[in-house]
Protein backbone atom coordinates (compact mmCIF):
# COMPACT_ATOMS: atom_id res chain seq x y z
CA LEU A 1 115.08 122.98 118.88
CA ALA A 2 116.14 119.16 117.54
CA HIS A 3 116.17 118.96 113.70
CA GLY A 4 114.24 122.11 113.28
CA LYS A 5 110.83 121.26 115.27
CA ARG A 6 109.07 123.59 117.55
CA PRO A 7 107.25 121.97 120.66
CA LEU A 8 103.45 122.25 120.71
CA TYR A 9 102.81 125.55 122.86
CA ASP A 10 100.53 123.44 124.89
CA GLY A 11 100.16 119.86 125.41
CA ARG A 12 96.70 119.15 126.82
CA PRO A 13 94.32 117.38 124.74
CA ASP A 14 91.85 119.85 124.70
CA ALA A 15 94.34 122.15 123.09
CA ILE A 16 95.83 119.81 120.60
CA ARG A 17 92.16 119.13 119.50
CA THR A 18 91.75 123.11 118.89
CA LEU A 19 94.70 123.65 117.01
CA ALA A 20 93.90 120.48 114.55
CA SER A 21 90.11 122.02 114.40
CA ASP A 22 91.59 124.96 113.45
CA ALA A 23 94.47 123.72 110.64
CA GLN A 24 91.22 121.24 109.29
CA LYS A 25 89.22 124.30 108.72
CA CYS A 26 91.89 126.52 106.94
CA LEU A 27 92.37 122.93 104.72
CA ASN A 28 88.81 123.03 104.20
CA LYS A 29 88.59 127.13 102.60
CA THR A 30 91.58 126.13 100.47
CA ARG A 31 91.17 125.10 96.99
CA LEU A 32 93.85 123.84 94.82
CA SER A 33 93.92 124.02 90.78
CA SER A 34 94.75 120.71 89.28
CA ASP A 35 98.73 121.61 88.86
CA GLU A 36 98.77 122.79 92.52
CA ARG A 37 97.13 119.42 93.70
CA HIS A 38 100.11 117.50 92.00
CA ALA A 39 102.70 119.97 93.62
CA VAL A 40 101.34 119.45 97.16
CA LEU A 41 100.47 115.26 96.80
CA SER A 42 103.25 114.87 99.42
CA GLY A 43 100.58 116.20 101.98
CA TYR A 44 97.86 114.00 100.89
CA GLN A 45 97.96 112.18 104.31
CA THR A 46 97.12 115.85 105.86
CA ARG A 47 93.72 115.60 106.65
CA HIS A 48 94.06 111.88 107.63
CA TYR A 49 96.68 113.60 110.44
CA LEU A 50 94.20 116.06 111.37
CA SER A 51 91.00 114.03 111.79
CA GLN A 52 92.94 111.63 114.31
CA ALA A 53 94.59 114.77 116.07
CA ILE A 54 91.04 116.12 116.51
CA ASN A 55 89.55 112.35 117.78
CA TYR A 56 92.33 111.25 119.32
CA PRO A 57 94.82 114.14 121.12
CA ASP A 58 96.12 112.12 123.34
CA LEU A 59 97.83 109.76 120.84
CA VAL A 60 99.49 113.37 119.50
CA ALA A 61 102.61 112.69 122.16
CA THR A 62 103.27 108.83 121.22
CA GLY A 63 102.15 108.40 117.34
CA LEU A 64 99.27 108.81 115.60
CA ILE A 65 97.34 106.16 113.79
CA ALA A 66 98.72 105.72 110.12
CA PRO A 67 96.37 105.86 106.90
CA SER A 68 95.82 102.33 105.08
CA PRO A 69 98.28 101.63 102.89
CA LEU A 70 95.20 100.03 100.48
CA LYS A 71 93.58 104.04 100.46
CA ASP A 72 97.74 104.90 99.69
CA GLN A 73 97.39 102.96 96.85
CA TYR A 74 94.14 104.09 95.29
CA LEU A 75 94.92 107.94 96.00
CA PHE A 76 97.96 107.24 94.01
CA HIS A 77 96.14 105.53 91.12
CA ARG A 78 93.81 108.07 91.37
CA ALA A 79 95.77 110.77 91.07
CA ARG A 80 98.14 109.06 88.03
CA LEU A 81 95.03 108.21 86.37
CA TRP A 82 94.00 112.26 86.49
CA SER A 83 97.22 113.63 85.57
CA LEU A 84 96.80 112.48 81.95
């Protein structure tokens, strides 16, 4: 497989929506400490992309809509303030 990526087991929109919804439920149950949140900051867009996959499963194959750069700046600024 190219670059170690595994293909989706089922590319149908309903299957993608279900897979993303299940992942989002697991993510919502997970609560991290402050130190852990800083360690996983690189995954900060996970919720956005899971929501996109749930709402627009047809876009998964062609590419999901990236979050706003303004939101990125806000989140990083907020993370920097909280780490002081």
